Structure formats: structure tokens, C-alpha cells
Amino acid sequence: MAFSFLIMKKTLITLTIFIAFSCKSQIIPQNNAYVEIPNNAYIKDTENFLNNFVGTWHYQKGNEQFSITLLKVLHKDYGSYYNDIIIGEYKYIDSNGTTIVNTLSDINIPSIHHNISGAKSLIRLEYPKCPECNVGEYRIKSFFYDPERKYQNLAIVFRSISATQIKIKLYTEGVSTTTGPNAIDEMRVPAGEYILNKI
């Protein structure tokens, strides 16, 4: 008798928490997040589109290599709203074979400040424009950080080409917030487009 009472009590508590959470947050589909976001809203990856980017991806041209590992994070708390996002880390080797940056080992460190973070949906005519994108196709934009030059204002856009290939565009967004006369504004990972294969 006491055992069934405990089960019923736990079920009621779980149900109450679920109902309370459901009443407090409005779910907005990830690809429809252009509306005004109310407090406690949840921008949810309802179509599992972010899953297209999860994994380890690799680009190589001669000695130059660019590797990215991405994970999906559900219900990330941004204070006034929640969002499903992708996080990631990367490694870049220049054309001389020199490793310029390597943060891949940081992917499993629980942190809100990964070097790739975010998931803003972009349609084809949003900057950076994608004339080759189909009508209704969307891409994902994230923040891109250089761990040695965090003052740089960088962004990365992901486009799913197939289950085994993505196209990315890496670029500066606006003006960097340089700190002092010796701050270097040049990107260590060159801006541009890269096609990466899943490994």
C-alpha cells in the first residue's frame, strides 16, 4: 500500500512540474523564430533540423585543414528565453601545415562559452545571402570565437548539403571590439566558404 502511494505521489509531482512548465513557456519553432520572443519562450528545434549538423566535419585542401565537431544542446537558458542550439569546437591547420588553433578537446567541457555557439535560422535572402539555396530552405548562424582574439566579432553559417556534407561561411560581422593599439584584427581562420565532409 505504501509503495503504490509513493508511486502515485511521484507521478503527481512529475505531472504538476510538467504542467507548470508547459503553462509558462510558449514554444516557437526554430525556423519560425522571427516573431517577437515573449519571456520564457522556448525556441525549439521541432523539425530536428539541427541534427543535420551534429558530428565531426573535415575540410582539406593540400596541407590546409579545418575540422569542426558540433553537438546539439536542448533548452539552453538565455535568461529571458530558451533555445535549442548547436555548440562546437574546431581545429585549423594552415597551408604550411602549422596548427593555428585547436580547441577540439574542449567539446565535452560543460560551458556556456564554446567557440561555436548558437542557432539563428536564416532564410536565403538574409545576410549572408544564399542565391543557390532553395525557397523555404534555411541555414543556421552561430557565433564563432577565436580563443586568442575574443574581441573579434565573428560568425559562421551552416548549410546542410547532404547527410555527409555541409557548407559553411565564416566571416566578420560588424566591427571588432579591439582592446588596445596592439590588438590584431586579422582572422586566424581565413574568412570564406568551406565544404566539409562528415567523418
N, C-alpha and C. Protein backbone atom coordinates (compact mmCIF):
# COMPACT_ATOMS: atom_id res chain seq x y z
N MET A 1 0.82 -1.19 0.00
CA MET A 1 0.00 0.00 0.00
C MET A 1 0.87 1.26 0.00
N ALA A 2 1.90 1.27 0.87
CA ALA A 2 2.79 2.43 0.96
C ALA A 2 3.55 2.61 -0.35
N PHE A 3 3.92 1.49 -1.00
CA PHE A 3 4.67 1.55 -2.25
C PHE A 3 3.85 2.21 -3.35
N SER A 4 2.57 1.83 -3.49
CA SER A 4 1.72 2.41 -4.53
C SER A 4 1.43 3.89 -4.23
N PHE A 5 1.35 4.24 -2.94
CA PHE A 5 1.17 5.65 -2.58
C PHE A 5 2.38 6.47 -3.03
N LEU A 6 3.60 5.94 -2.84
CA LEU A 6 4.82 6.65 -3.27
C LEU A 6 4.85 6.82 -4.78
N ILE A 7 4.47 5.80 -5.51
CA ILE A 7 4.44 5.90 -6.97
C ILE A 7 3.43 6.95 -7.41
N MET A 8 2.23 6.94 -6.79
CA MET A 8 1.21 7.91 -7.14
C MET A 8 1.69 9.33 -6.79
N LYS A 9 2.36 9.49 -5.66
CA LYS A 9 2.87 10.79 -5.24
C LYS A 9 3.91 11.30 -6.23
N LYS A 10 4.84 10.45 -6.64
CA LYS A 10 5.87 10.84 -7.62
C LYS A 10 5.25 11.19 -8.96
N THR A 11 4.25 10.43 -9.38
CA THR A 11 3.56 10.70 -10.63
C THR A 11 2.87 12.06 -10.58
N LEU A 12 2.21 12.36 -9.49
CA LEU A 12 1.54 13.66 -9.34
C LEU A 12 2.53 14.82 -9.34
N ILE A 13 3.65 14.65 -8.66
CA ILE A 13 4.67 15.70 -8.63
C ILE A 13 5.22 15.93 -10.03
N THR A 14 5.55 14.86 -10.74
CA THR A 14 6.07 14.98 -12.10
C THR A 14 5.07 15.66 -13.01
N LEU A 15 3.81 15.25 -12.93
CA LEU A 15 2.76 15.84 -13.74
C LEU A 15 2.58 17.32 -13.43
N THR A 16 2.61 17.69 -12.17
CA THR A 16 2.48 19.09 -11.76
C THR A 16 3.63 19.94 -12.32
N ILE A 17 4.84 19.42 -12.23
CA ILE A 17 6.00 20.15 -12.77
C ILE A 17 5.86 20.32 -14.27
N PHE A 18 5.46 19.26 -14.95
CA PHE A 18 5.29 19.32 -16.40
C PHE A 18 4.24 20.35 -16.79
N ILE A 19 3.10 20.34 -16.11
CA ILE A 19 2.02 21.29 -16.42
C ILE A 19 2.47 22.72 -16.12
N ALA A 20 3.16 22.91 -15.01
CA ALA A 20 3.63 24.25 -14.66
C ALA A 20 4.60 24.77 -15.71
N PHE A 21 5.51 23.91 -16.17
CA PHE A 21 6.47 24.31 -17.19
C PHE A 21 5.76 24.61 -18.51
N SER A 22 4.81 23.77 -18.88
CA SER A 22 4.08 23.94 -20.13
C SER A 22 3.30 25.24 -20.15
N CYS A 23 2.74 25.62 -19.02
CA CYS A 23 1.94 26.84 -18.96
C CYS A 23 2.81 28.09 -19.02
N LYS A 24 4.03 28.00 -18.60
CA LYS A 24 4.88 29.18 -18.51
C LYS A 24 5.67 29.47 -19.77
N SER A 25 5.86 28.50 -20.67
CA SER A 25 6.68 28.77 -21.83
C SER A 25 5.93 28.49 -23.12
N GLN A 26 6.05 29.45 -24.03
CA GLN A 26 5.45 29.31 -25.34
C GLN A 26 6.49 28.70 -26.27
N ILE A 27 6.13 27.66 -27.01
CA ILE A 27 7.08 27.03 -27.92
C ILE A 27 6.98 27.70 -29.28
N ILE A 28 8.14 28.14 -29.77
CA ILE A 28 8.26 28.76 -31.09
C ILE A 28 9.17 27.85 -31.92
N PRO A 29 8.71 27.37 -33.07
CA PRO A 29 9.58 26.52 -33.90
C PRO A 29 10.85 27.27 -34.32
N GLN A 30 11.97 26.56 -34.32
CA GLN A 30 13.28 27.13 -34.65
C GLN A 30 13.25 27.92 -35.97
N ASN A 31 12.61 27.36 -36.98
CA ASN A 31 12.61 28.02 -38.29
C ASN A 31 11.54 29.10 -38.41
N ASN A 32 10.90 29.44 -37.31
CA ASN A 32 9.88 30.49 -37.30
C ASN A 32 10.14 31.47 -36.17
N ALA A 33 11.40 31.66 -35.85
CA ALA A 33 11.77 32.48 -34.70
C ALA A 33 11.91 33.96 -35.06
N TYR A 34 11.17 34.41 -36.08
CA TYR A 34 11.24 35.81 -36.47
C TYR A 34 10.18 36.65 -35.79
N VAL A 35 9.39 36.01 -34.96
CA VAL A 35 8.36 36.72 -34.21
C VAL A 35 9.01 37.33 -32.97
N GLU A 36 8.30 38.24 -32.35
CA GLU A 36 8.79 38.78 -31.08
C GLU A 36 8.79 37.65 -30.06
N ILE A 37 9.88 37.51 -29.36
CA ILE A 37 10.04 36.40 -28.43
C ILE A 37 9.56 36.83 -27.05
N PRO A 38 8.44 36.24 -26.57
CA PRO A 38 7.97 36.60 -25.23
C PRO A 38 8.86 36.00 -24.14
N ASN A 39 8.76 36.55 -22.95
CA ASN A 39 9.53 36.00 -21.82
C ASN A 39 9.20 34.53 -21.63
N ASN A 40 10.23 33.77 -21.30
CA ASN A 40 10.14 32.33 -21.04
C ASN A 40 9.76 31.50 -22.26
N ALA A 41 9.81 32.08 -23.46
CA ALA A 41 9.52 31.31 -24.67
C ALA A 41 10.63 30.28 -24.90
N TYR A 42 10.29 29.26 -25.64
CA TYR A 42 11.23 28.18 -25.96
C TYR A 42 11.32 28.08 -27.48
N ILE A 43 12.45 28.50 -28.05
CA ILE A 43 12.69 28.35 -29.48
C ILE A 43 13.20 26.93 -29.68
N LYS A 44 12.31 26.08 -30.15
CA LYS A 44 12.55 24.64 -30.15
C LYS A 44 12.81 24.13 -31.58
N ASP A 45 13.76 23.23 -31.67
CA ASP A 45 14.07 22.58 -32.95
C ASP A 45 13.02 21.49 -33.21
N THR A 46 11.80 21.91 -33.53
CA THR A 46 10.68 20.98 -33.67
C THR A 46 10.85 20.02 -34.84
N GLU A 47 11.63 20.40 -35.86
CA GLU A 47 11.84 19.56 -37.03
C GLU A 47 13.14 18.76 -36.95
N ASN A 48 13.85 18.89 -35.83
CA ASN A 48 15.16 18.24 -35.66
C ASN A 48 16.15 18.63 -36.75
N PHE A 49 16.05 19.85 -37.25
CA PHE A 49 16.93 20.34 -38.31
C PHE A 49 18.39 20.43 -37.84
N LEU A 50 18.58 20.79 -36.57
CA LEU A 50 19.95 20.92 -36.05
C LEU A 50 20.70 19.58 -36.08
N ASN A 51 19.97 18.48 -36.09
CA ASN A 51 20.61 17.16 -36.14
C ASN A 51 21.46 16.99 -37.41
N ASN A 52 21.13 17.75 -38.48
CA ASN A 52 21.90 17.68 -39.72
C ASN A 52 23.34 18.11 -39.54
N PHE A 53 23.63 18.83 -38.46
CA PHE A 53 24.97 19.39 -38.27
C PHE A 53 25.77 18.69 -37.17
N VAL A 54 25.12 17.83 -36.42
CA VAL A 54 25.79 17.16 -35.31
C VAL A 54 26.81 16.16 -35.86
N GLY A 55 28.01 16.19 -35.29
CA GLY A 55 29.06 15.26 -35.71
C GLY A 55 30.38 15.97 -35.89
N THR A 56 31.33 15.26 -36.47
CA THR A 56 32.65 15.83 -36.77
C THR A 56 32.77 15.97 -38.28
N TRP A 57 33.21 17.16 -38.70
CA TRP A 57 33.27 17.53 -40.11
C TRP A 57 34.69 17.95 -40.44
N HIS A 58 35.10 17.68 -41.70
CA HIS A 58 36.50 17.93 -42.07
C HIS A 58 36.60 18.51 -43.48
N TYR A 59 37.46 19.53 -43.60
CA TYR A 59 37.80 20.15 -44.88
C TYR A 59 39.30 20.00 -45.07
N GLN A 60 39.74 19.70 -46.29
CA GLN A 60 41.18 19.66 -46.57
C GLN A 60 41.43 20.10 -47.99
N LYS A 61 42.43 20.98 -48.14
CA LYS A 61 42.92 21.43 -49.45
C LYS A 61 44.43 21.52 -49.33
N GLY A 62 45.13 20.54 -49.87
CA GLY A 62 46.58 20.46 -49.68
C GLY A 62 46.87 20.22 -48.22
N ASN A 63 47.74 21.06 -47.64
CA ASN A 63 48.07 20.95 -46.22
C ASN A 63 47.04 21.63 -45.32
N GLU A 64 46.24 22.54 -45.90
CA GLU A 64 45.24 23.28 -45.11
C GLU A 64 44.12 22.34 -44.68
N GLN A 65 43.79 22.38 -43.38
CA GLN A 65 42.73 21.53 -42.84
C GLN A 65 41.88 22.33 -41.85
N PHE A 66 40.60 22.04 -41.87
CA PHE A 66 39.66 22.70 -40.95
C PHE A 66 38.70 21.61 -40.47
N SER A 67 38.73 21.31 -39.18
CA SER A 67 37.86 20.29 -38.58
C SER A 67 36.96 20.95 -37.55
N ILE A 68 35.70 20.53 -37.53
CA ILE A 68 34.71 21.07 -36.60
C ILE A 68 33.94 19.91 -35.99
N THR A 69 33.75 19.94 -34.68
CA THR A 69 32.87 18.99 -34.01
C THR A 69 31.71 19.77 -33.41
N LEU A 70 30.48 19.32 -33.71
CA LEU A 70 29.28 20.02 -33.27
C LEU A 70 28.36 19.09 -32.48
N LEU A 71 27.76 19.63 -31.44
CA LEU A 71 26.76 18.93 -30.63
C LEU A 71 25.49 19.77 -30.57
N LYS A 72 24.38 19.12 -30.33
CA LYS A 72 23.11 19.83 -30.16
C LYS A 72 22.81 19.92 -28.67
N VAL A 73 22.42 21.11 -28.23
CA VAL A 73 22.06 21.34 -26.83
C VAL A 73 20.59 21.77 -26.79
N LEU A 74 19.81 21.06 -26.00
CA LEU A 74 18.38 21.35 -25.89
C LEU A 74 18.10 22.32 -24.74
N HIS A 75 17.14 23.21 -24.97
CA HIS A 75 16.58 24.06 -23.92
C HIS A 75 17.66 24.90 -23.22
N LYS A 76 18.56 25.51 -23.99
CA LYS A 76 19.62 26.36 -23.45
C LYS A 76 18.99 27.62 -22.86
N ASP A 77 19.31 27.92 -21.64
CA ASP A 77 18.74 29.06 -20.92
C ASP A 77 19.49 30.34 -21.28
N TYR A 78 18.78 31.31 -21.88
CA TYR A 78 19.35 32.61 -22.21
C TYR A 78 18.79 33.71 -21.30
N GLY A 79 18.29 33.33 -20.16
CA GLY A 79 17.78 34.31 -19.20
C GLY A 79 16.30 34.57 -19.40
N SER A 80 15.92 35.23 -20.49
CA SER A 80 14.51 35.56 -20.71
C SER A 80 13.82 34.59 -21.67
N TYR A 81 14.59 33.69 -22.30
CA TYR A 81 14.01 32.68 -23.18
C TYR A 81 14.94 31.47 -23.24
N TYR A 82 14.47 30.41 -23.89
CA TYR A 82 15.25 29.18 -24.05
C TYR A 82 15.37 28.90 -25.53
N ASN A 83 16.44 28.19 -25.90
CA ASN A 83 16.69 27.92 -27.31
C ASN A 83 17.42 26.61 -27.47
N ASP A 84 17.05 25.81 -28.46
CA ASP A 84 17.86 24.67 -28.86
C ASP A 84 18.97 25.22 -29.74
N ILE A 85 20.20 24.84 -29.46
CA ILE A 85 21.35 25.40 -30.18
C ILE A 85 22.34 24.30 -30.57
N ILE A 86 23.33 24.70 -31.35
CA ILE A 86 24.48 23.83 -31.56
C ILE A 86 25.69 24.50 -30.91
N ILE A 87 26.54 23.66 -30.36
CA ILE A 87 27.80 24.14 -29.82
C ILE A 87 28.91 23.39 -30.54
N GLY A 88 30.10 23.97 -30.54
CA GLY A 88 31.17 23.27 -31.23
C GLY A 88 32.54 23.80 -30.89
N GLU A 89 33.50 23.03 -31.32
CA GLU A 89 34.91 23.38 -31.20
C GLU A 89 35.58 23.05 -32.54
N TYR A 90 36.78 23.56 -32.75
CA TYR A 90 37.39 23.40 -34.06
C TYR A 90 38.91 23.34 -34.01
N LYS A 91 39.47 22.93 -35.13
CA LYS A 91 40.92 22.88 -35.32
C LYS A 91 41.21 23.40 -36.72
N TYR A 92 42.19 24.32 -36.81
CA TYR A 92 42.58 24.84 -38.12
C TYR A 92 44.08 24.70 -38.29
N ILE A 93 44.47 24.08 -39.42
CA ILE A 93 45.87 23.93 -39.81
C ILE A 93 46.05 24.71 -41.11
N ASP A 94 47.03 25.63 -41.16
CA ASP A 94 47.19 26.46 -42.35
C ASP A 94 47.87 25.70 -43.49
N SER A 95 48.06 26.37 -44.62
CA SER A 95 48.61 25.73 -45.82
C SER A 95 50.07 25.31 -45.65
N ASN A 96 50.74 25.82 -44.61
CA ASN A 96 52.12 25.39 -44.32
C ASN A 96 52.15 24.16 -43.41
N GLY A 97 50.98 23.69 -42.99
CA GLY A 97 50.91 22.54 -42.10
C GLY A 97 51.05 22.90 -40.63
N THR A 98 50.96 24.18 -40.29
CA THR A 98 51.08 24.65 -38.91
C THR A 98 49.70 24.70 -38.25
N THR A 99 49.58 24.09 -37.08
CA THR A 99 48.32 24.17 -36.35
C THR A 99 48.19 25.57 -35.76
N ILE A 100 47.18 26.29 -36.20
CA ILE A 100 46.95 27.67 -35.77
C ILE A 100 46.09 27.71 -34.51
N VAL A 101 45.06 26.89 -34.49
CA VAL A 101 44.17 26.83 -33.33
C VAL A 101 43.60 25.42 -33.24
N ASN A 102 43.47 24.92 -32.00
CA ASN A 102 42.89 23.60 -31.79
C ASN A 102 42.15 23.58 -30.45
N THR A 103 40.83 23.63 -30.52
CA THR A 103 40.01 23.59 -29.30
C THR A 103 39.14 22.34 -29.26
N LEU A 104 39.40 21.37 -30.14
CA LEU A 104 38.54 20.18 -30.23
C LEU A 104 38.39 19.45 -28.90
N SER A 105 39.43 19.45 -28.09
CA SER A 105 39.36 18.72 -26.81
C SER A 105 38.42 19.40 -25.82
N ASP A 106 37.98 20.62 -26.09
CA ASP A 106 37.08 21.35 -25.19
C ASP A 106 35.60 21.02 -25.41
N ILE A 107 35.28 20.18 -26.39
CA ILE A 107 33.88 19.95 -26.76
C ILE A 107 33.05 19.37 -25.61
N ASN A 108 33.65 18.55 -24.76
CA ASN A 108 32.88 17.92 -23.68
C ASN A 108 32.98 18.66 -22.35
N ILE A 109 33.60 19.83 -22.35
CA ILE A 109 33.66 20.64 -21.13
C ILE A 109 32.33 21.37 -20.98
N PRO A 110 31.63 21.17 -19.87
CA PRO A 110 30.35 21.87 -19.72
C PRO A 110 30.60 23.37 -19.57
N SER A 111 30.18 24.10 -20.57
CA SER A 111 30.44 25.53 -20.59
C SER A 111 29.38 26.22 -21.43
N ILE A 112 29.06 27.44 -21.10
CA ILE A 112 28.14 28.18 -21.94
C ILE A 112 28.90 28.98 -23.00
N HIS A 113 30.22 28.93 -22.97
CA HIS A 113 31.02 29.73 -23.89
C HIS A 113 31.90 28.87 -24.79
N HIS A 114 31.28 27.96 -25.54
CA HIS A 114 32.05 27.20 -26.52
C HIS A 114 32.42 28.13 -27.67
N ASN A 115 33.42 27.75 -28.44
CA ASN A 115 33.92 28.61 -29.51
C ASN A 115 33.00 28.68 -30.71
N ILE A 116 32.05 27.75 -30.81
CA ILE A 116 30.94 27.84 -31.76
C ILE A 116 29.69 27.65 -30.91
N SER A 117 28.75 28.60 -31.02
CA SER A 117 27.58 28.52 -30.14
C SER A 117 26.43 29.34 -30.72
N GLY A 118 25.24 28.74 -30.73
CA GLY A 118 24.05 29.45 -31.16
C GLY A 118 23.31 28.71 -32.26
N ALA A 119 22.17 29.25 -32.67
CA ALA A 119 21.39 28.65 -33.74
C ALA A 119 20.29 29.61 -34.19
N LYS A 120 20.67 30.61 -34.96
CA LYS A 120 19.68 31.53 -35.53
C LYS A 120 19.37 31.05 -36.94
N SER A 121 18.10 30.87 -37.22
CA SER A 121 17.68 30.43 -38.56
C SER A 121 17.79 31.60 -39.54
N LEU A 122 18.33 31.31 -40.73
CA LEU A 122 18.43 32.31 -41.80
C LEU A 122 17.72 31.79 -43.04
N ILE A 123 16.94 32.64 -43.70
CA ILE A 123 16.37 32.29 -44.99
C ILE A 123 17.34 32.73 -46.08
N ARG A 124 17.09 32.34 -47.31
CA ARG A 124 18.07 32.52 -48.39
C ARG A 124 18.45 33.96 -48.66
N LEU A 125 17.56 34.92 -48.44
CA LEU A 125 17.86 36.31 -48.75
C LEU A 125 18.43 37.10 -47.58
N GLU A 126 18.59 36.44 -46.43
CA GLU A 126 19.20 37.11 -45.29
C GLU A 126 20.72 37.06 -45.42
N TYR A 127 21.38 38.10 -44.90
CA TYR A 127 22.83 38.15 -44.97
C TYR A 127 23.46 37.09 -44.08
N PRO A 128 24.47 36.40 -44.58
CA PRO A 128 24.97 36.44 -45.95
C PRO A 128 24.02 35.71 -46.89
N LYS A 129 23.65 36.36 -47.98
CA LYS A 129 22.66 35.81 -48.90
C LYS A 129 23.15 34.48 -49.48
N CYS A 130 22.19 33.66 -49.86
CA CYS A 130 22.48 32.34 -50.40
C CYS A 130 21.66 32.15 -51.67
N PRO A 131 22.13 32.69 -52.81
CA PRO A 131 21.34 32.60 -54.04
C PRO A 131 21.11 31.16 -54.50
N GLU A 132 22.03 30.25 -54.13
CA GLU A 132 21.87 28.85 -54.54
C GLU A 132 20.92 28.07 -53.63
N CYS A 133 20.52 28.66 -52.51
CA CYS A 133 19.57 28.00 -51.61
C CYS A 133 18.18 27.98 -52.24
N ASN A 134 17.42 26.94 -51.95
CA ASN A 134 16.05 26.82 -52.44
C ASN A 134 15.13 27.70 -51.61
N VAL A 135 14.02 28.12 -52.19
CA VAL A 135 13.00 28.85 -51.45
C VAL A 135 12.50 27.94 -50.34
N GLY A 136 12.43 28.45 -49.14
CA GLY A 136 11.99 27.66 -48.00
C GLY A 136 13.13 26.94 -47.28
N GLU A 137 14.30 26.91 -47.89
CA GLU A 137 15.46 26.29 -47.24
C GLU A 137 16.04 27.30 -46.25
N TYR A 138 16.44 26.82 -45.12
CA TYR A 138 17.09 27.73 -44.19
C TYR A 138 18.41 27.18 -43.71
N ARG A 139 19.23 28.10 -43.23
CA ARG A 139 20.57 27.80 -42.73
C ARG A 139 20.63 28.19 -41.27
N ILE A 140 21.71 27.83 -40.60
CA ILE A 140 21.88 28.14 -39.19
C ILE A 140 23.12 29.01 -39.00
N LYS A 141 22.92 30.12 -38.28
CA LYS A 141 24.02 31.03 -37.98
C LYS A 141 24.39 30.89 -36.51
N SER A 142 25.69 30.84 -36.24
CA SER A 142 26.19 30.74 -34.87
C SER A 142 27.32 31.74 -34.65
N PHE A 143 27.62 31.99 -33.39
CA PHE A 143 28.79 32.78 -33.06
C PHE A 143 30.03 31.90 -33.28
N PHE A 144 31.12 32.53 -33.70
CA PHE A 144 32.39 31.84 -33.90
C PHE A 144 33.46 32.64 -33.16
N TYR A 145 34.11 32.00 -32.20
CA TYR A 145 35.09 32.70 -31.39
C TYR A 145 36.49 32.16 -31.64
N ASP A 146 37.46 33.07 -31.65
CA ASP A 146 38.87 32.70 -31.65
C ASP A 146 39.32 32.84 -30.20
N PRO A 147 39.76 31.74 -29.56
CA PRO A 147 40.08 31.81 -28.13
C PRO A 147 41.19 32.80 -27.79
N GLU A 148 42.02 33.16 -28.77
CA GLU A 148 43.08 34.14 -28.51
C GLU A 148 42.69 35.55 -28.93
N ARG A 149 41.57 35.69 -29.62
CA ARG A 149 41.11 37.00 -30.09
C ARG A 149 39.61 37.12 -29.87
N LYS A 150 39.20 36.99 -28.63
CA LYS A 150 37.76 37.00 -28.31
C LYS A 150 37.10 38.34 -28.63
N TYR A 151 37.88 39.37 -28.84
CA TYR A 151 37.34 40.68 -29.17
C TYR A 151 36.84 40.74 -30.62
N GLN A 152 37.20 39.76 -31.44
CA GLN A 152 36.74 39.76 -32.82
C GLN A 152 35.27 39.36 -32.88
N ASN A 153 34.53 40.03 -33.74
CA ASN A 153 33.10 39.78 -33.90
C ASN A 153 32.92 38.88 -35.13
N LEU A 154 32.93 37.55 -34.91
CA LEU A 154 32.91 36.58 -36.00
C LEU A 154 31.62 35.78 -35.98
N ALA A 155 31.25 35.28 -37.16
CA ALA A 155 30.05 34.45 -37.28
C ALA A 155 30.33 33.32 -38.25
N ILE A 156 29.57 32.25 -38.10
CA ILE A 156 29.65 31.09 -39.00
C ILE A 156 28.23 30.70 -39.37
N VAL A 157 28.02 30.41 -40.66
CA VAL A 157 26.71 29.97 -41.15
C VAL A 157 26.87 28.56 -41.69
N PHE A 158 25.96 27.68 -41.26
CA PHE A 158 25.97 26.28 -41.67
C PHE A 158 24.83 26.02 -42.65
N ARG A 159 25.15 25.34 -43.76
CA ARG A 159 24.12 24.90 -44.70
C ARG A 159 24.28 23.39 -44.91
N SER A 160 23.21 22.66 -44.76
CA SER A 160 23.24 21.22 -44.95
C SER A 160 23.13 20.92 -46.45
N ILE A 161 24.13 20.25 -47.00
CA ILE A 161 24.13 19.86 -48.41
C ILE A 161 23.57 18.45 -48.55
N SER A 162 24.02 17.55 -47.68
CA SER A 162 23.54 16.16 -47.66
C SER A 162 23.81 15.61 -46.27
N ALA A 163 23.51 14.34 -46.06
CA ALA A 163 23.73 13.72 -44.75
C ALA A 163 25.22 13.66 -44.41
N THR A 164 26.07 13.77 -45.42
CA THR A 164 27.51 13.65 -45.19
C THR A 164 28.30 14.89 -45.58
N GLN A 165 27.62 15.99 -45.90
CA GLN A 165 28.34 17.18 -46.33
C GLN A 165 27.61 18.45 -45.91
N ILE A 166 28.38 19.41 -45.39
CA ILE A 166 27.84 20.73 -45.06
C ILE A 166 28.72 21.79 -45.71
N LYS A 167 28.12 22.95 -45.92
CA LYS A 167 28.87 24.10 -46.43
C LYS A 167 28.81 25.16 -45.34
N ILE A 168 29.96 25.75 -45.05
CA ILE A 168 29.98 26.81 -44.04
C ILE A 168 30.51 28.10 -44.65
N LYS A 169 30.08 29.19 -44.09
CA LYS A 169 30.62 30.50 -44.44
C LYS A 169 31.07 31.14 -43.15
N LEU A 170 32.33 31.51 -43.11
CA LEU A 170 32.94 32.15 -41.94
C LEU A 170 33.24 33.60 -42.31
N TYR A 171 32.83 34.53 -41.46
CA TYR A 171 33.01 35.95 -41.80
C TYR A 171 33.03 36.82 -40.54
N THR A 172 33.52 38.04 -40.72
CA THR A 172 33.45 39.02 -39.64
C THR A 172 32.09 39.70 -39.72
N GLU A 173 31.55 40.01 -38.57
CA GLU A 173 30.23 40.62 -38.52
C GLU A 173 30.34 41.93 -37.76
N GLY A 174 30.34 43.01 -38.51
CA GLY A 174 30.48 44.31 -37.87
C GLY A 174 31.92 44.58 -37.50
N VAL A 175 32.08 45.44 -36.54
CA VAL A 175 33.41 45.90 -36.12
C VAL A 175 33.85 45.13 -34.88
N SER A 176 35.09 44.69 -34.89
CA SER A 176 35.63 44.01 -33.71
C SER A 176 35.82 45.02 -32.59
N THR A 177 35.70 44.54 -31.38
CA THR A 177 35.90 45.41 -30.22
C THR A 177 37.33 45.23 -29.73
N THR A 178 38.28 45.74 -30.52
CA THR A 178 39.70 45.60 -30.19
C THR A 178 40.00 46.31 -28.88
N THR A 179 40.93 45.74 -28.15
CA THR A 179 41.28 46.30 -26.85
C THR A 179 42.73 46.74 -26.85
N GLY A 180 42.97 47.92 -27.36
CA GLY A 180 44.32 48.46 -27.35
C GLY A 180 44.94 48.54 -28.72
N PRO A 181 46.03 49.30 -28.82
CA PRO A 181 46.67 49.54 -30.12
C PRO A 181 47.35 48.31 -30.71
N ASN A 182 47.68 47.30 -29.89
CA ASN A 182 48.37 46.12 -30.40
C ASN A 182 47.43 44.95 -30.69
N ALA A 183 46.12 45.16 -30.57
CA ALA A 183 45.16 44.09 -30.84
C ALA A 183 45.14 43.80 -32.34
N ILE A 184 45.24 42.54 -32.69
CA ILE A 184 45.28 42.12 -34.09
C ILE A 184 43.87 41.84 -34.57
N ASP A 185 43.49 42.44 -35.70
CA ASP A 185 42.14 42.29 -36.21
C ASP A 185 42.03 41.19 -37.27
N GLU A 186 43.14 40.70 -37.77
CA GLU A 186 43.13 39.66 -38.80
C GLU A 186 42.63 38.33 -38.23
N MET A 187 41.78 37.65 -39.00
CA MET A 187 41.24 36.36 -38.56
C MET A 187 42.32 35.28 -38.71
N ARG A 188 42.45 34.43 -37.70
CA ARG A 188 43.42 33.34 -37.79
C ARG A 188 42.90 32.20 -38.65
N VAL A 189 41.59 31.99 -38.67
CA VAL A 189 40.97 31.06 -39.61
C VAL A 189 40.42 31.95 -40.73
N PRO A 190 40.92 31.79 -41.95
CA PRO A 190 40.52 32.72 -43.01
C PRO A 190 39.02 32.74 -43.28
N ALA A 191 38.50 33.94 -43.48
CA ALA A 191 37.10 34.09 -43.84
C ALA A 191 36.89 33.44 -45.20
N GLY A 192 35.66 32.96 -45.42
CA GLY A 192 35.34 32.35 -46.71
C GLY A 192 34.39 31.19 -46.56
N GLU A 193 34.21 30.47 -47.66
CA GLU A 193 33.32 29.32 -47.68
C GLU A 193 34.14 28.04 -47.72
N TYR A 194 33.68 27.05 -47.00
CA TYR A 194 34.34 25.74 -46.93
C TYR A 194 33.26 24.67 -47.07
N ILE A 195 33.59 23.60 -47.79
CA ILE A 195 32.72 22.43 -47.85
C ILE A 195 33.39 21.34 -47.02
N LEU A 196 32.66 20.86 -46.01
CA LEU A 196 33.20 19.88 -45.07
C LEU A 196 32.45 18.56 -45.21
N ASN A 197 33.19 17.48 -45.08
CA ASN A 197 32.63 16.13 -45.14
C ASN A 197 32.59 15.54 -43.75
N LYS A 198 31.54 14.75 -43.49
CA LYS A 198 31.39 14.10 -42.19
C LYS A 198 32.38 12.97 -42.07
N ILE A 199 33.03 12.89 -40.89
CA ILE A 199 33.98 11.78 -40.68
C ILE A 199 33.53 10.97 -39.47
